[in-house]
Amino acid sequence: MEKTDEQMLKLICEIILDKKGENIKILDVTPLTSVTDTIVIASGNSTRQLAAISDEIERKVKKSFKTRPLSISGKELSEWILLDYNSIIVHLFLTKTREYYNLEELWEKDDNQISLQELNL
């Protein structure tokens, strides 16, 4: 992972933690797909909370890294918001929606998790 990608990943996770996002999973999917390098999955308890997390990620990543997401999906309903930063894709879910889609089952392998401790969080 490039240094700037690692810094952006750390910032994204800090924002999720600051906004009381829960159950953060960070998955290195480099060997599994060419679409992205890292997937961040996190839960929130309300659509307002997910929208606030998403807005803060957009604002702070733009300020710190001078970049905007390539695309944003799901903000209308805010049950599943996806922010695509090319090398990092962020999935923000309501808990029940996350349980239903279970992305971890699709992308999580034995050795591809990155812990918050590895990011010094």
Protein backbone atom coordinates (compact mmCIF):
# COMPACT_ATOMS: atom_id res chain seq x y z
CA MET A 1 0.00 0.00 0.00
CA GLU A 2 1.35 3.40 -0.97
CA LYS A 3 2.09 5.87 1.82
CA THR A 4 -0.64 8.31 0.74
CA ASP A 5 -3.17 5.46 0.50
CA GLU A 6 -2.23 4.35 3.99
CA GLN A 7 -2.61 7.93 5.28
CA MET A 8 -6.00 8.27 3.59
CA LEU A 9 -7.10 4.91 5.01
CA LYS A 10 -6.07 6.03 8.48
CA LEU A 11 -7.96 9.31 8.12
CA ILE A 12 -11.10 7.51 6.92
CA CYS A 13 -10.99 5.13 9.89
CA GLU A 14 -10.37 8.01 12.32
CA ILE A 15 -13.46 9.77 11.00
CA ILE A 16 -15.57 6.63 11.34
CA LEU A 17 -14.38 6.20 14.93
CA ASP A 18 -14.91 9.90 15.76
CA LYS A 19 -18.48 9.72 14.45
CA LYS A 20 -19.14 6.58 16.52
CA GLY A 21 -19.18 4.17 13.58
CA GLU A 22 -19.04 0.56 14.68
CA ASN A 23 -17.51 -2.78 13.73
CA ILE A 24 -14.90 -1.43 11.32
CA LYS A 25 -13.40 -4.05 9.03
CA ILE A 26 -10.49 -3.22 6.76
CA LEU A 27 -9.74 -5.78 4.06
CA ASP A 28 -6.77 -5.90 1.70
CA VAL A 29 -8.34 -7.25 -1.48
CA THR A 30 -5.35 -6.70 -3.77
CA PRO A 31 -4.95 -10.41 -4.58
CA LEU A 32 -8.70 -10.86 -5.10
CA THR A 33 -9.60 -8.05 -7.53
CA SER A 34 -8.08 -5.37 -9.74
CA VAL A 35 -10.93 -2.95 -8.97
CA THR A 36 -9.51 -1.70 -5.67
CA ASP A 37 -6.82 -2.44 -3.09
CA THR A 38 -8.66 -1.92 0.19
CA ILE A 39 -12.25 -2.19 1.34
CA VAL A 40 -13.46 -0.51 4.53
CA ILE A 41 -16.76 -1.75 5.96
CA ALA A 42 -18.41 -0.03 8.93
CA SER A 43 -21.83 0.15 10.56
CA GLY A 44 -23.95 2.91 11.99
CA ASN A 45 -27.17 3.02 13.97
CA SER A 46 -29.14 5.52 11.88
CA THR A 47 -29.32 6.95 8.40
CA ARG A 48 -28.36 10.35 9.81
CA GLN A 49 -25.23 8.92 11.38
CA LEU A 50 -24.20 7.24 8.11
CA ALA A 51 -24.80 10.47 6.18
CA ALA A 52 -22.73 12.41 8.72
CA ILE A 53 -19.86 9.93 8.48
CA SER A 54 -19.99 10.03 4.68
CA ASP A 55 -20.08 13.84 4.56
CA GLU A 56 -17.15 14.10 6.96
CA ILE A 57 -15.08 11.60 4.97
CA GLU A 58 -15.75 13.56 1.77
CA ARG A 59 -14.88 16.88 3.40
CA LYS A 60 -11.70 15.82 5.18
CA VAL A 61 -10.29 13.67 2.37
CA LYS A 62 -10.85 16.55 -0.06
CA LYS A 63 -9.12 18.96 2.33
CA SER A 64 -6.19 16.68 3.21
CA PHE A 65 -5.59 14.88 -0.09
CA LYS A 66 -7.16 17.23 -2.66
CA THR A 67 -9.27 14.39 -4.00
CA ARG A 68 -12.94 13.60 -4.31
CA PRO A 69 -14.51 10.17 -4.55
CA LEU A 70 -14.83 8.80 -8.08
CA SER A 71 -18.42 7.99 -7.18
CA ILE A 72 -20.81 8.00 -4.27
CA SER A 73 -23.80 5.68 -4.11
CA GLY A 74 -26.66 5.29 -1.68
CA LYS A 75 -26.81 8.72 -0.09
CA GLU A 76 -30.47 9.09 -0.99
CA LEU A 77 -31.58 6.28 1.33
CA SER A 78 -28.45 6.18 3.52
CA GLU A 79 -28.88 2.48 4.40
CA TRP A 80 -25.74 1.59 2.44
CA ILE A 81 -23.42 4.38 1.34
CA LEU A 82 -20.47 3.58 -0.90
CA LEU A 83 -17.59 6.01 -1.42
CA ASP A 84 -15.14 5.01 -4.16
CA TYR A 85 -11.66 6.51 -3.83
CA ASN A 86 -10.23 4.10 -6.43
CA SER A 87 -7.67 2.32 -4.24
CA ILE A 88 -9.99 2.49 -1.20
CA ILE A 89 -13.70 1.73 -1.28
CA VAL A 90 -15.73 2.59 1.83
CA HIS A 91 -19.01 0.83 2.61
CA LEU A 92 -21.13 2.40 5.36
CA PHE A 93 -24.11 0.28 6.41
CA LEU A 94 -27.01 0.32 8.78
CA THR A 95 -26.42 -2.73 10.97
CA LYS A 96 -29.41 -4.68 9.61
CA THR A 97 -28.44 -3.88 6.01
CA ARG A 98 -24.86 -4.99 6.64
CA GLU A 99 -26.07 -8.27 8.10
CA TYR A 100 -28.32 -8.84 5.08
CA TYR A 101 -25.64 -8.25 2.41
CA ASN A 102 -22.75 -9.72 4.43
CA LEU A 103 -19.92 -8.33 2.28
CA GLU A 104 -17.39 -9.76 4.68
CA GLU A 105 -18.29 -13.26 3.52
CA LEU A 106 -17.51 -12.27 -0.06
CA TRP A 107 -14.22 -10.43 0.55
CA GLU A 108 -12.78 -11.62 3.87
CA LYS A 109 -10.07 -14.27 3.67
CA ASP A 110 -7.86 -15.76 6.38
CA ASP A 111 -5.02 -13.29 6.09
CA ASN A 112 -6.36 -10.15 4.43
CA GLN A 113 -7.61 -8.16 7.42
CA ILE A 114 -5.86 -4.95 8.44
CA SER A 115 -6.38 -4.13 12.10
CA LEU A 116 -6.95 -0.66 13.48
CA GLN A 117 -3.85 -1.26 15.60
CA GLU A 118 -1.78 -1.61 12.42
CA LEU A 119 -2.91 1.92 11.55
CA ASN A 120 -2.07 3.08 15.10
CA LEU A 121 -5.74 3.71 15.93
